[in-house]
Each structure stands twice: as C-alpha cells, then as structure tokens.
Amino acid sequence: MTDQARPPVPPFTYETAVVKVRKAEDAWNSRNPEAVSLAYTVDSRWRNRSMFLKGRAEIVAFLTRKWEKELEYRLIKEIWAFADDRIAVRFAYEYHDAEGQWFRAYGNENWEFDADGLMAVRHASINDVAIAEHERLFHWPQGRRPDEHPGLGHLGL
C-alpha cells in the first residue's frame, strides 16, 4: 500500500474538519478494514480502549476482528473540537453480538494528522451499554448514514 493525500488536509477550518469527520464515519460504516486503513499513516499509532496498535496491518487485523463480532454495525461521528492538525470527535455506534444482544457504544476520539491528511495518531475511549432492540436509534440500511438521518445531537445522544 502506498500513502496518498487524503483531503481535506491540515490546517483545518471548522468546515474542513466537519468534512473530515464525515468521511471517517462513512469509511467506518463501510466495514471494509483495508479501505479504512488507507486513511491512516503506514505507521499510525492507536490506543483503542485498552489496546495499543501500530501500523496499517495491525489496524486491518483489529477492524476485521471487530466487525466479525459487532454485527449490523452503524456509527455516527460528530465533531467536538479542532485545531490545525488535530480533530476531536464524539461518536456512538450500535451493533449486536452473535447471541442477538444489542449494544450502543459511546466514545470520544482524538486525532492527529500528517500534512497529507493521513491520521498519524488516534486515541479512543469507548463504553458499551447493552440496549433492548426497541431502544435502537440507528435504523438506516447497512453502509453510509443517509444525509437526512439525524446526528447525535438531534438524537439526544
């Protein structure tokens, strides 16, 4: 795999940071580990919950395992703050496990980008809450969240 610029690139404005967040949401909702990994530097460093990952190969392996367990995964990200080459987001996603138990995961991420717009550092803190199926809020077909679907703020999350 080769590095390619991933616009928008730093320094971010509010508008370009919002675009960057939506592109990340769309990529993760594709549930394609290889495609998602291309948004990160070859040596990207992650802290995801209690796991520490380095590089695209570890990212692909992690995401493959994640989406094998987190079924019918749907994610919404929302910008929280930004500055120059950094963006902070909050997010929620819903999924169910193999036994059919639904969950909503809530979290925050801190991102740092290189000059080409590739994410070099990602710190994620995430909590899972078991929910009943009737409590689900994310009902669009698998894939990209439709533009008209409410975001986190509008859903009261």
C-alpha atoms as a PDB file:
ATOM      1  CA  MET A   1       0.000   0.000   0.000  1.00  0.00           C
ATOM      2  CA  THR A   2       1.196   3.497  -0.714  1.00  0.00           C
ATOM      3  CA  ASP A   3       0.440   6.764   1.027  1.00  0.00           C
ATOM      4  CA  GLN A   4      -1.744   9.191  -0.846  1.00  0.00           C
ATOM      5  CA  ALA A   5      -3.067  12.541   0.266  1.00  0.00           C
ATOM      6  CA  ARG A   6      -6.478  12.326   1.974  1.00  0.00           C
ATOM      7  CA  PRO A   7      -8.121  15.734   1.703  1.00  0.00           C
ATOM      8  CA  PRO A   8      -9.098  17.760   3.489  1.00  0.00           C
ATOM      9  CA  VAL A   9      -5.608  18.329   4.843  1.00  0.00           C
ATOM     10  CA  PRO A  10      -4.361  20.440   7.756  1.00  0.00           C
ATOM     11  CA  PRO A  11      -4.584  23.145   8.828  1.00  0.00           C
ATOM     12  CA  PHE A  12      -8.282  22.505   9.375  1.00  0.00           C
ATOM     13  CA  THR A  13     -11.092  25.018   9.412  1.00  0.00           C
ATOM     14  CA  TYR A  14     -14.390  24.175  11.062  1.00  0.00           C
ATOM     15  CA  GLU A  15     -15.851  23.323   7.644  1.00  0.00           C
ATOM     16  CA  THR A  16     -12.960  21.083   6.558  1.00  0.00           C
ATOM     17  CA  ALA A  17     -12.873  19.367   9.961  1.00  0.00           C
ATOM     18  CA  VAL A  18     -16.592  18.555   9.629  1.00  0.00           C
ATOM     19  CA  VAL A  19     -15.916  17.058   6.184  1.00  0.00           C
ATOM     20  CA  LYS A  20     -13.019  15.004   7.598  1.00  0.00           C
ATOM     21  CA  VAL A  21     -15.245  13.638  10.380  1.00  0.00           C
ATOM     22  CA  ARG A  22     -17.999  12.647   7.927  1.00  0.00           C
ATOM     23  CA  LYS A  23     -15.501  10.936   5.628  1.00  0.00           C
ATOM     24  CA  ALA A  24     -14.236   8.920   8.601  1.00  0.00           C
ATOM     25  CA  GLU A  25     -17.798   7.983   9.582  1.00  0.00           C
ATOM     26  CA  ASP A  26     -18.592   6.901   6.029  1.00  0.00           C
ATOM     27  CA  ALA A  27     -15.436   4.798   5.811  1.00  0.00           C
ATOM     28  CA  TRP A  28     -16.107   3.017   9.107  1.00  0.00           C
ATOM     29  CA  ASN A  29     -19.724   2.372   8.123  1.00  0.00           C
ATOM     30  CA  SER A  30     -18.415   0.584   5.007  1.00  0.00           C
ATOM     31  CA  ARG A  31     -16.926  -2.022   7.377  1.00  0.00           C
ATOM     32  CA  ASN A  32     -14.064  -2.529   4.900  1.00  0.00           C
ATOM     33  CA  PRO A  33     -10.879  -2.821   7.011  1.00  0.00           C
ATOM     34  CA  GLU A  34      -8.461  -2.456   4.102  1.00  0.00           C
ATOM     35  CA  ALA A  35     -10.179   0.657   2.745  1.00  0.00           C
ATOM     36  CA  VAL A  36     -10.453   2.196   6.217  1.00  0.00           C
ATOM     37  CA  SER A  37      -6.754   1.586   6.907  1.00  0.00           C
ATOM     38  CA  LEU A  38      -5.742   3.755   3.940  1.00  0.00           C
ATOM     39  CA  ALA A  39      -6.851   6.877   5.850  1.00  0.00           C
ATOM     40  CA  TYR A  40      -4.040   6.233   8.366  1.00  0.00           C
ATOM     41  CA  THR A  41      -0.289   6.631   8.014  1.00  0.00           C
ATOM     42  CA  VAL A  42       1.655   3.431   7.434  1.00  0.00           C
ATOM     43  CA  ASP A  43       2.988   3.699  10.994  1.00  0.00           C
ATOM     44  CA  SER A  44      -0.167   5.151  12.581  1.00  0.00           C
ATOM     45  CA  ARG A  45      -0.373   4.715  16.360  1.00  0.00           C
ATOM     46  CA  TRP A  46      -3.680   3.873  18.044  1.00  0.00           C
ATOM     47  CA  ARG A  47      -4.966   3.486  21.533  1.00  0.00           C
ATOM     48  CA  ASN A  48      -8.354   1.837  21.259  1.00  0.00           C
ATOM     49  CA  ARG A  49      -9.820   1.158  24.692  1.00  0.00           C
ATOM     50  CA  SER A  50      -7.011  -0.834  26.334  1.00  0.00           C
ATOM     51  CA  MET A  51      -5.374  -1.938  23.072  1.00  0.00           C
ATOM     52  CA  PHE A  52      -2.329  -0.293  21.516  1.00  0.00           C
ATOM     53  CA  LEU A  53      -1.855  -0.733  17.777  1.00  0.00           C
ATOM     54  CA  LYS A  54       0.816   0.399  15.367  1.00  0.00           C
ATOM     55  CA  GLY A  55       0.620   0.415  11.601  1.00  0.00           C
ATOM     56  CA  ARG A  56      -1.903  -0.462   8.955  1.00  0.00           C
ATOM     57  CA  ALA A  57      -1.502  -4.233   9.227  1.00  0.00           C
ATOM     58  CA  GLU A  58      -2.497  -4.146  12.903  1.00  0.00           C
ATOM     59  CA  ILE A  59      -5.363  -1.756  12.101  1.00  0.00           C
ATOM     60  CA  VAL A  60      -6.712  -4.108   9.415  1.00  0.00           C
ATOM     61  CA  ALA A  61      -6.454  -7.125  11.739  1.00  0.00           C
ATOM     62  CA  PHE A  62      -8.185  -5.219  14.551  1.00  0.00           C
ATOM     63  CA  LEU A  63     -11.041  -3.950  12.354  1.00  0.00           C
ATOM     64  CA  THR A  64     -11.531  -7.402  10.807  1.00  0.00           C
ATOM     65  CA  ARG A  65     -11.963  -8.945  14.274  1.00  0.00           C
ATOM     66  CA  LYS A  66     -14.159  -6.046  15.404  1.00  0.00           C
ATOM     67  CA  TRP A  67     -16.660  -6.304  12.552  1.00  0.00           C
ATOM     68  CA  GLU A  68     -16.783 -10.105  12.770  1.00  0.00           C
ATOM     69  CA  LYS A  69     -18.129  -9.681  16.346  1.00  0.00           C
ATOM     70  CA  GLU A  70     -20.031  -6.383  16.104  1.00  0.00           C
ATOM     71  CA  LEU A  71     -22.858  -7.332  13.740  1.00  0.00           C
ATOM     72  CA  GLU A  72     -25.093  -4.812  11.937  1.00  0.00           C
ATOM     73  CA  TYR A  73     -22.665  -2.065  12.989  1.00  0.00           C
ATOM     74  CA  ARG A  74     -23.882   1.512  12.409  1.00  0.00           C
ATOM     75  CA  LEU A  75     -21.879   4.562  13.503  1.00  0.00           C
ATOM     76  CA  ILE A  76     -22.437   8.307  13.858  1.00  0.00           C
ATOM     77  CA  LYS A  77     -19.499  10.674  14.480  1.00  0.00           C
ATOM     78  CA  GLU A  78     -19.743  14.352  15.395  1.00  0.00           C
ATOM     79  CA  ILE A  79     -17.033  16.981  15.625  1.00  0.00           C
ATOM     80  CA  TRP A  80     -16.260  18.197  19.123  1.00  0.00           C
ATOM     81  CA  ALA A  81     -13.218  20.439  18.582  1.00  0.00           C
ATOM     82  CA  PHE A  82     -10.403  21.067  16.114  1.00  0.00           C
ATOM     83  CA  ALA A  83      -7.098  22.933  15.774  1.00  0.00           C
ATOM     84  CA  ASP A  84      -4.515  22.990  12.997  1.00  0.00           C
ATOM     85  CA  ASP A  85      -3.703  19.265  12.543  1.00  0.00           C
ATOM     86  CA  ARG A  86      -5.983  17.817  15.243  1.00  0.00           C
ATOM     87  CA  ILE A  87      -9.659  16.921  15.490  1.00  0.00           C
ATOM     88  CA  ALA A  88     -11.624  15.655  18.491  1.00  0.00           C
ATOM     89  CA  VAL A  89     -14.862  13.764  17.886  1.00  0.00           C
ATOM     90  CA  ARG A  90     -17.565  12.106  19.902  1.00  0.00           C
ATOM     91  CA  PHE A  91     -19.419   9.150  18.499  1.00  0.00           C
ATOM     92  CA  ALA A  92     -21.950   6.438  19.116  1.00  0.00           C
ATOM     93  CA  TYR A  93     -22.478   3.174  17.309  1.00  0.00           C
ATOM     94  CA  GLU A  94     -24.961   0.344  17.572  1.00  0.00           C
ATOM     95  CA  TYR A  95     -24.406  -3.340  16.938  1.00  0.00           C
ATOM     96  CA  HIS A  96     -25.482  -6.721  18.169  1.00  0.00           C
ATOM     97  CA  ASP A  97     -23.445  -9.749  19.135  1.00  0.00           C
ATOM     98  CA  ALA A  98     -23.834 -13.328  17.885  1.00  0.00           C
ATOM     99  CA  GLU A  99     -26.475 -14.015  20.572  1.00  0.00           C
ATOM    100  CA  GLY A 100     -28.613 -11.098  19.354  1.00  0.00           C
ATOM    101  CA  GLN A 101     -27.914  -8.716  22.272  1.00  0.00           C
ATOM    102  CA  TRP A 102     -27.883  -5.102  21.077  1.00  0.00           C
ATOM    103  CA  PHE A 103     -25.378  -2.532  22.320  1.00  0.00           C
ATOM    104  CA  ARG A 104     -24.771   1.160  21.921  1.00  0.00           C
ATOM    105  CA  ALA A 105     -21.159   2.183  22.286  1.00  0.00           C
ATOM    106  CA  TYR A 106     -20.348   5.765  23.250  1.00  0.00           C
ATOM    107  CA  GLY A 107     -16.929   7.284  22.821  1.00  0.00           C
ATOM    108  CA  ASN A 108     -14.507  10.060  22.157  1.00  0.00           C
ATOM    109  CA  GLU A 109     -11.562  10.120  19.792  1.00  0.00           C
ATOM    110  CA  ASN A 110      -8.594  12.446  19.498  1.00  0.00           C
ATOM    111  CA  TRP A 111      -6.988  12.502  16.063  1.00  0.00           C
ATOM    112  CA  GLU A 112      -3.668  13.922  14.824  1.00  0.00           C
ATOM    113  CA  PHE A 113      -2.964  14.196  11.088  1.00  0.00           C
ATOM    114  CA  ASP A 114       0.148  14.490   8.944  1.00  0.00           C
ATOM    115  CA  ALA A 115       0.493  17.160   6.242  1.00  0.00           C
ATOM    116  CA  ASP A 116      -1.179  14.852   3.661  1.00  0.00           C
ATOM    117  CA  GLY A 117      -4.324  14.440   5.767  1.00  0.00           C
ATOM    118  CA  LEU A 118      -3.496  10.888   6.896  1.00  0.00           C
ATOM    119  CA  MET A 119      -4.217  10.136  10.531  1.00  0.00           C
ATOM    120  CA  ALA A 120      -0.966   9.521  12.390  1.00  0.00           C
ATOM    121  CA  VAL A 121      -2.378   9.170  15.923  1.00  0.00           C
ATOM    122  CA  ARG A 122      -5.779   8.022  17.198  1.00  0.00           C
ATOM    123  CA  HIS A 123      -6.771   7.824  20.865  1.00  0.00           C
ATOM    124  CA  ALA A 124     -10.209   6.286  21.514  1.00  0.00           C
ATOM    125  CA  SER A 125     -12.116   5.883  24.753  1.00  0.00           C
ATOM    126  CA  ILE A 126     -15.275   3.773  24.397  1.00  0.00           C
ATOM    127  CA  ASN A 127     -18.007   2.394  26.663  1.00  0.00           C
ATOM    128  CA  ASP A 128     -20.573  -0.224  25.627  1.00  0.00           C
ATOM    129  CA  VAL A 129     -24.092  -0.187  27.042  1.00  0.00           C
ATOM    130  CA  ALA A 130     -26.480  -3.094  26.495  1.00  0.00           C
ATOM    131  CA  ILE A 131     -29.782  -1.908  24.997  1.00  0.00           C
ATOM    132  CA  ALA A 132     -33.028  -3.609  24.065  1.00  0.00           C
ATOM    133  CA  GLU A 133     -33.750  -3.881  20.365  1.00  0.00           C
ATOM    134  CA  HIS A 134     -36.650  -1.410  20.700  1.00  0.00           C
ATOM    135  CA  GLU A 135     -34.177   1.179  22.089  1.00  0.00           C
ATOM    136  CA  ARG A 136     -32.177   1.267  18.866  1.00  0.00           C
ATOM    137  CA  LEU A 137     -31.923   4.649  17.150  1.00  0.00           C
ATOM    138  CA  PHE A 138     -29.805   3.824  14.088  1.00  0.00           C
ATOM    139  CA  HIS A 139     -32.077   2.177  11.519  1.00  0.00           C
ATOM    140  CA  TRP A 140     -30.668   3.020   8.101  1.00  0.00           C
ATOM    141  CA  PRO A 141     -29.632   0.186   5.734  1.00  0.00           C
ATOM    142  CA  GLN A 142     -26.045  -1.024   6.273  1.00  0.00           C
ATOM    143  CA  GLY A 143     -23.493   1.377   4.822  1.00  0.00           C
ATOM    144  CA  ARG A 144     -23.331   5.155   4.693  1.00  0.00           C
ATOM    145  CA  ARG A 145     -25.696   7.036   7.026  1.00  0.00           C
ATOM    146  CA  PRO A 146     -28.197   8.926   4.857  1.00  0.00           C
ATOM    147  CA  ASP A 147     -27.756  12.704   4.921  1.00  0.00           C
ATOM    148  CA  GLU A 148     -31.291  13.169   6.248  1.00  0.00           C
ATOM    149  CA  HIS A 149     -30.718  10.817   9.224  1.00  0.00           C
ATOM    150  CA  PRO A 150     -30.328  12.805  12.470  1.00  0.00           C
ATOM    151  CA  GLY A 151     -26.917  13.181  14.051  1.00  0.00           C
ATOM    152  CA  LEU A 152     -26.005  12.608  17.688  1.00  0.00           C
ATOM    153  CA  GLY A 153     -27.223  15.972  18.939  1.00  0.00           C
ATOM    154  CA  HIS A 154     -30.597  15.640  17.268  1.00  0.00           C
ATOM    155  CA  LEU A 155     -30.993  12.135  18.717  1.00  0.00           C
ATOM    156  CA  GLY A 156     -30.299  13.391  22.224  1.00  0.00           C
ATOM    157  CA  LEU A 157     -27.038  11.459  22.431  1.00  0.00           C
END
